[in-house]
Amino acid sequence: MAGLQIGIAGLGRMGSGMARRLHRQGAQVVVWNRHPGKAEELARDTGMTAASTLAGLVAALAPPRTVWLMLPAGAVTAQHVTELLSLLEPGDVLVNGANAHYRDSIAEAGEAAGKGVHYMDAGVSGGVWGLEEGFALMVGGTPEAALLARPFLERLSPAPDRGWLHCGPAGSGHFVKMVHNGIEYGMMQALAEGFALLEGQTTFPLDLAAIAGMWRHGSVVRSWLLDLTAGVLASHPDMDGIAPVVADSGEGLWTAQAALEQRVPAPVITLALQMRWASQGKNGYADRLLALMRNRFGGHEIQKEA
C-alpha cells in the first residue's frame, strides 16, 4: 500500500467515526476490532482494509507506520499497547486515544521510547458528531511524534488549522482531556439544575424547549451542550421512560483527585461528579439514615419504598 496510511484499532462509536472521517479525507485506513465482524462490516461498507489480528494490521501498513488505538481505557488498552510494541518497529507511531490516566500514558511513552517507537497520547472529544463536525484532539508526545501524526490530526479535526493541539510532552494530552471532561461535568450539571428549576415552578406556563432554543442565540450561556439540551427538551419534553441514572467515565474522578493533589479548589466539578454517583444509588444508605435521624429527633414521617 502507498500514500497516507493509518491503522485504527478499536471500532466503537468514536473509533469507527474516526476511521470513516479519515477514509473520506483520502487516507488509506486499515481497521481492526476485538470482534472481527465489526471491522469486516466497516470494510465492506467503505472499501477500507480489515485486519483479523493486530499483527495483520501492522503488516498491512508500510513503515513508518501510524497505529491509533481507540479501546476502553485501563487493562484492555494496556494489554494492546504491550502487544503493539512487540510488533511495531523503530520510527513507527503509536497513538493511545483512550480516556486513559495521564500517568499511565507517561509510563507507556517510556516503554515505547525504549523500543524506538514514537508514542502519543490523544484526548478525543466530539462523540458521535465527530464524523461530520470533526473531533477535538488534545495530544501529547515529542515534537517528532506530533509532526508524524499531524496529517491525521488535520484530517480528523474540524479544520486543519483548528480543533487540535499538541499540548506538550507525553501525558499532557490526556491530562488536558481529563480536565476538559471535568468541566463538562460541571456545565452539564448546571444546565440540568437550571431546567429542573424552570420545570418545577407552577406560577408560569413555561415552554422549556422554547427557552432553551432562545438561549442559544445571543445568551452568555449559549454552547454546544445547550444546543443538544434544546434538542432533548423538544424531543422528550416529559422525559418519559428515562431512568434518573447518570453514568460517569472516571475522568471526573481523576480531575477531582488532581484538584486535591494540587490543592486547587474545584467544588463545582467535584460536586457534579458526586451528583452522578448519587443518581446511581450510591447515596441510598446516607439518605435512608438521614430519614431515620429526622424521625428520631423530630418525629418526622418515614416514607416507605413502593
Protein backbone atom coordinates (compact mmCIF):
# COMPACT_ATOMS: atom_id res chain seq x y z
CA MET A 1 0.00 0.00 0.00
CA ALA A 2 1.17 3.56 -0.69
CA GLY A 3 0.08 7.05 0.27
CA LEU A 4 -1.20 8.31 3.61
CA GLN A 5 -1.86 5.21 5.72
CA ILE A 6 -3.10 4.63 9.23
CA GLY A 7 -4.32 1.71 11.28
CA ILE A 8 -7.31 2.17 13.61
CA ALA A 9 -7.59 -0.46 16.35
CA GLY A 10 -10.95 -0.33 18.12
CA LEU A 11 -14.20 0.46 16.31
CA GLY A 12 -16.61 1.68 18.93
CA ARG A 13 -18.67 4.83 18.37
CA MET A 14 -15.61 7.07 18.33
CA GLY A 15 -13.16 4.72 16.62
CA SER A 16 -15.48 3.86 13.74
CA GLY A 17 -16.33 7.53 13.24
CA MET A 18 -12.64 8.44 13.15
CA ALA A 19 -11.91 5.67 10.65
CA ARG A 20 -14.74 6.85 8.39
CA ARG A 21 -13.65 10.51 8.58
CA LEU A 22 -10.05 9.66 7.70
CA HIS A 23 -11.24 7.47 4.82
CA ARG A 24 -13.39 10.31 3.50
CA GLN A 25 -10.37 12.63 3.74
CA GLY A 26 -8.35 10.40 1.45
CA ALA A 27 -6.34 8.32 3.93
CA GLN A 28 -5.85 4.60 3.40
CA VAL A 29 -7.29 3.09 6.57
CA VAL A 30 -6.71 -0.40 7.90
CA VAL A 31 -9.13 -1.34 10.68
CA TRP A 32 -9.09 -3.97 13.40
CA ASN A 33 -11.55 -4.73 16.18
CA ARG A 34 -11.62 -7.24 19.01
CA HIS A 35 -14.84 -8.55 17.48
CA PRO A 36 -13.72 -9.06 13.86
CA GLY A 37 -17.21 -8.81 12.40
CA LYS A 38 -17.35 -5.09 13.02
CA ALA A 39 -14.10 -4.49 11.09
CA GLU A 40 -15.26 -6.69 8.23
CA GLU A 41 -18.61 -4.89 8.05
CA LEU A 42 -16.91 -1.47 8.01
CA ALA A 43 -14.53 -2.63 5.28
CA ARG A 44 -17.43 -3.90 3.13
CA ASP A 45 -19.30 -0.65 3.62
CA THR A 46 -16.41 1.71 2.85
CA GLY A 47 -13.65 -0.11 0.97
CA MET A 48 -11.24 0.08 3.90
CA THR A 49 -8.98 -2.88 4.62
CA ALA A 50 -9.95 -5.11 7.57
CA ALA A 51 -7.31 -6.98 9.55
CA SER A 52 -8.19 -10.04 11.60
CA THR A 53 -5.27 -9.62 14.04
CA LEU A 54 -3.09 -6.80 15.32
CA ALA A 55 -0.15 -8.44 13.60
CA GLY A 56 -2.13 -8.34 10.37
CA LEU A 57 -2.93 -4.67 10.91
CA VAL A 58 0.75 -3.82 11.37
CA ALA A 59 1.77 -5.95 8.38
CA ALA A 60 -0.71 -4.12 6.12
CA LEU A 61 0.97 -0.76 6.78
CA ALA A 62 4.19 0.43 5.18
CA PRO A 63 6.78 1.92 7.56
CA PRO A 64 6.87 4.35 9.18
CA ARG A 65 3.51 3.15 10.46
CA THR A 66 0.90 5.01 12.49
CA VAL A 67 -1.46 2.91 14.61
CA TRP A 68 -4.21 4.67 16.58
CA LEU A 69 -5.75 2.76 19.49
CA MET A 70 -9.38 3.54 20.38
CA LEU A 71 -10.04 0.88 23.02
CA PRO A 72 -11.50 1.15 26.55
CA ALA A 73 -9.04 2.70 28.99
CA GLY A 74 -7.34 0.56 31.60
CA ALA A 75 -6.32 -3.08 31.34
CA VAL A 76 -7.67 -3.55 27.80
CA THR A 77 -5.65 -0.67 26.38
CA ALA A 78 -2.55 -1.58 28.42
CA GLN A 79 -2.66 -5.14 27.06
CA HIS A 80 -2.89 -3.97 23.46
CA VAL A 81 -0.21 -1.31 23.89
CA THR A 82 2.14 -4.07 25.06
CA GLU A 83 1.21 -6.27 22.11
CA LEU A 84 1.64 -3.48 19.58
CA LEU A 85 5.03 -2.50 20.98
CA SER A 86 6.16 -6.06 20.26
CA LEU A 87 5.01 -5.69 16.64
CA LEU A 88 5.95 -2.12 15.71
CA GLU A 89 9.41 -1.08 14.55
CA PRO A 90 11.63 1.90 15.44
CA GLY A 91 10.26 5.04 13.83
CA ASP A 92 6.63 3.89 13.93
CA VAL A 93 3.99 5.91 15.79
CA LEU A 94 1.58 4.51 18.39
CA VAL A 95 -1.31 6.77 19.42
CA ASN A 96 -3.34 5.96 22.53
CA GLY A 97 -6.75 7.60 22.06
CA ALA A 98 -8.44 6.08 25.11
CA ASN A 99 -9.65 8.15 28.06
CA ALA A 100 -6.54 6.99 29.91
CA HIS A 101 -4.97 8.40 33.06
CA TYR A 102 -2.14 10.70 32.11
CA ARG A 103 0.31 8.94 34.43
CA ASP A 104 -0.34 5.66 32.60
CA SER A 105 0.42 7.46 29.35
CA ILE A 106 3.72 8.77 30.68
CA ALA A 107 4.72 5.22 31.65
CA GLU A 108 3.68 3.81 28.26
CA ALA A 109 5.65 6.53 26.47
CA GLY A 110 8.74 5.41 28.37
CA GLU A 111 8.20 1.81 27.27
CA ALA A 112 7.70 2.89 23.67
CA ALA A 113 10.83 5.06 23.71
CA GLY A 114 12.85 2.06 24.84
CA LYS A 115 11.83 0.33 21.60
CA GLY A 116 12.36 3.37 19.42
CA VAL A 117 8.61 3.81 18.84
CA HIS A 118 7.06 7.28 18.94
CA TYR A 119 4.17 7.43 21.42
CA MET A 120 1.36 9.95 21.52
CA ASP A 121 -1.50 10.23 23.99
CA ALA A 122 -4.61 11.71 22.42
CA GLY A 123 -7.63 13.03 24.24
CA VAL A 124 -10.51 12.82 21.75
CA SER A 125 -13.76 14.76 22.09
CA GLY A 126 -16.67 15.08 19.71
CA GLY A 127 -18.68 11.94 20.33
CA VAL A 128 -20.99 10.68 17.60
CA TRP A 129 -20.94 14.14 15.99
CA GLY A 130 -17.22 13.95 15.26
CA LEU A 131 -17.68 12.12 11.95
CA GLU A 132 -19.43 15.10 10.38
CA GLU A 133 -18.25 18.01 12.54
CA GLY A 134 -14.70 16.90 13.27
CA PHE A 135 -13.08 15.77 16.51
CA ALA A 136 -11.35 17.93 19.11
CA LEU A 137 -7.90 16.44 19.67
CA MET A 138 -5.60 17.11 22.62
CA VAL A 139 -2.31 15.30 22.04
CA GLY A 140 0.90 14.80 23.99
CA GLY A 141 4.25 13.48 22.85
CA THR A 142 7.54 14.52 21.35
CA PRO A 143 7.68 17.14 18.58
CA GLU A 144 8.79 14.34 16.23
CA ALA A 145 5.71 12.28 17.06
CA ALA A 146 3.44 15.29 16.60
CA LEU A 147 4.98 16.01 13.19
CA LEU A 148 4.44 12.42 12.02
CA ALA A 149 0.84 12.40 13.30
CA ARG A 150 -0.03 15.87 12.01
CA PRO A 151 -1.57 14.75 8.67
CA PHE A 152 -4.08 12.64 10.60
CA LEU A 153 -4.75 15.32 13.23
CA GLU A 154 -5.52 17.83 10.48
CA ARG A 155 -7.98 15.46 8.83
CA LEU A 156 -9.72 14.33 12.00
CA SER A 157 -10.22 17.82 13.43
CA PRO A 158 -12.88 20.33 12.28
CA ALA A 159 -10.28 22.10 10.11
CA PRO A 160 -6.55 21.65 9.51
CA ASP A 161 -5.70 24.80 11.47
CA ARG A 162 -8.05 24.43 14.43
CA GLY A 163 -9.62 21.87 16.75
CA TRP A 164 -6.35 20.10 17.57
CA LEU A 165 -3.38 21.00 19.74
CA HIS A 166 -0.03 19.46 20.57
CA CYS A 167 -0.27 20.22 24.29
CA GLY A 168 3.24 19.15 25.31
CA PRO A 169 5.18 16.02 26.26
CA ALA A 170 3.68 12.57 26.79
CA GLY A 171 0.78 12.60 29.21
CA SER A 172 -0.19 16.23 28.57
CA GLY A 173 -2.88 15.37 26.03
CA HIS A 174 -4.67 13.03 28.40
CA PHE A 175 -4.27 15.50 31.28
CA VAL A 176 -5.91 18.28 29.25
CA LYS A 177 -8.71 15.91 28.16
CA MET A 178 -9.22 14.88 31.80
CA VAL A 179 -9.77 18.49 32.87
CA HIS A 180 -11.96 19.07 29.79
CA ASN A 181 -14.24 16.25 30.92
CA GLY A 182 -14.33 17.60 34.47
CA ILE A 183 -15.50 20.97 33.13
CA GLU A 184 -18.07 19.14 31.03
CA TYR A 185 -19.48 17.51 34.19
CA GLY A 186 -19.97 20.95 35.78
CA MET A 187 -21.57 22.53 32.72
CA MET A 188 -24.00 19.64 32.28
CA GLN A 189 -24.95 19.70 35.96
CA ALA A 190 -25.64 23.45 35.87
CA LEU A 191 -27.86 23.13 32.80
CA ALA A 192 -29.75 20.19 34.32
CA GLU A 193 -30.34 22.03 37.60
CA GLY A 194 -31.46 25.21 35.86
CA PHE A 195 -34.03 23.43 33.71
CA ALA A 196 -35.20 21.45 36.73
CA LEU A 197 -35.97 24.78 38.42
CA LEU A 198 -37.83 26.00 35.37
CA GLU A 199 -39.80 22.76 35.15
CA GLY A 200 -40.61 22.66 38.85
CA GLN A 201 -42.27 26.06 39.22
CA THR A 202 -46.07 26.32 38.99
CA THR A 203 -46.61 30.07 38.53
CA PHE A 204 -45.93 30.31 34.80
CA PRO A 205 -46.73 28.01 31.84
CA LEU A 206 -43.13 27.84 30.59
CA ASP A 207 -42.08 26.14 27.37
CA LEU A 208 -38.67 24.72 28.29
CA ALA A 209 -37.73 23.77 24.73
CA ALA A 210 -38.53 27.30 23.55
CA ILE A 211 -36.48 28.80 26.37
CA ALA A 212 -33.51 26.59 25.52
CA GLY A 213 -33.87 27.49 21.86
CA MET A 214 -33.94 31.20 22.64
CA TRP A 215 -30.88 30.98 24.91
CA ARG A 216 -28.91 29.50 22.01
CA HIS A 217 -28.80 32.92 20.31
CA GLY A 218 -27.04 35.83 21.99
CA SER A 219 -27.17 34.44 25.53
CA VAL A 220 -23.98 34.17 27.59
CA VAL A 221 -24.83 30.50 28.32
CA ARG A 222 -25.05 29.53 24.65
CA SER A 223 -22.96 26.45 23.92
CA TRP A 224 -22.98 23.14 22.07
CA LEU A 225 -24.25 21.47 25.25
CA LEU A 226 -27.15 23.92 25.28
CA ASP A 227 -27.79 23.12 21.61
CA LEU A 228 -28.03 19.43 22.50
CA THR A 229 -30.20 20.22 25.54
CA ALA A 230 -32.63 22.17 23.38
CA GLY A 231 -32.96 19.17 21.08
CA VAL A 232 -33.54 16.82 24.01
CA LEU A 233 -36.24 19.05 25.50
CA ALA A 234 -38.01 19.27 22.14
CA SER A 235 -38.00 15.50 21.57
CA HIS A 236 -38.50 14.35 25.19
CA PRO A 237 -40.49 17.13 26.93
CA ASP A 238 -41.80 14.80 29.64
CA MET A 239 -38.68 12.58 29.95
CA ASP A 240 -40.96 9.55 29.75
CA GLY A 241 -39.14 6.25 30.13
CA ILE A 242 -35.81 7.86 31.05
CA ALA A 243 -34.28 6.45 34.24
CA PRO A 244 -32.68 9.08 36.53
CA VAL A 245 -29.28 7.39 36.38
CA VAL A 246 -26.18 9.22 35.08
CA ALA A 247 -23.02 7.19 34.50
CA ASP A 248 -19.50 8.56 34.93
CA SER A 249 -16.50 7.60 32.82
CA GLY A 250 -13.86 8.04 35.52
CA GLU A 251 -12.29 11.23 34.21
CA GLY A 252 -14.37 13.39 36.54
CA LEU A 253 -12.92 11.45 39.46
CA TRP A 254 -9.37 11.88 38.14
CA THR A 255 -9.98 15.62 37.77
CA ALA A 256 -11.24 15.90 41.35
CA GLN A 257 -8.24 13.89 42.57
CA ALA A 258 -5.86 16.18 40.67
CA ALA A 259 -7.53 19.19 42.29
CA LEU A 260 -6.94 17.67 45.73
CA GLU A 261 -3.31 16.87 44.92
CA GLN A 262 -2.67 20.42 43.69
CA ARG A 263 -4.78 22.00 46.46
CA VAL A 264 -6.74 23.82 43.77
CA PRO A 265 -10.38 24.44 44.78
CA ALA A 266 -12.71 22.72 42.27
CA PRO A 267 -16.05 22.46 44.13
CA VAL A 268 -18.28 22.63 41.04
CA ILE A 269 -16.52 19.78 39.23
CA THR A 270 -16.29 17.70 42.41
CA LEU A 271 -19.94 18.18 43.33
CA ALA A 272 -21.08 17.44 39.76
CA LEU A 273 -19.20 14.14 39.98
CA GLN A 274 -20.79 13.34 43.33
CA MET A 275 -24.25 14.12 41.96
CA ARG A 276 -23.65 11.48 39.28
CA TRP A 277 -22.78 9.00 42.00
CA ALA A 278 -25.96 9.95 43.86
CA SER A 279 -28.01 9.23 40.74
CA GLN A 280 -26.51 5.72 40.64
CA GLY A 281 -27.99 4.85 44.04
CA LYS A 282 -24.67 5.37 45.83
CA ASN A 283 -26.29 7.84 48.20
CA GLY A 284 -29.06 5.43 49.17
CA TYR A 285 -27.65 4.41 52.56
CA ALA A 286 -26.95 8.01 53.60
CA ASP A 287 -30.42 9.16 52.51
CA ARG A 288 -32.07 6.34 54.48
CA LEU A 289 -30.00 7.19 57.54
CA LEU A 290 -30.93 10.88 57.26
CA ALA A 291 -34.63 9.96 57.13
CA LEU A 292 -34.26 7.85 60.28
CA MET A 293 -32.37 10.65 62.07
CA ARG A 294 -35.16 13.12 61.27
CA ASN A 295 -37.68 10.62 62.57
CA ARG A 296 -35.82 10.17 65.85
CA PHE A 297 -35.21 13.82 66.72
CA GLY A 298 -38.36 15.36 65.26
CA GLY A 299 -40.82 12.57 64.81
CA HIS A 300 -40.91 13.21 61.06
CA GLU A 301 -42.65 10.57 58.98
CA ILE A 302 -40.56 7.97 57.18
CA GLN A 303 -41.66 7.27 53.61
CA LYS A 304 -41.64 3.58 52.68
CA GLU A 305 -40.34 2.33 49.34
CA ALA A 306 -43.00 1.10 46.90
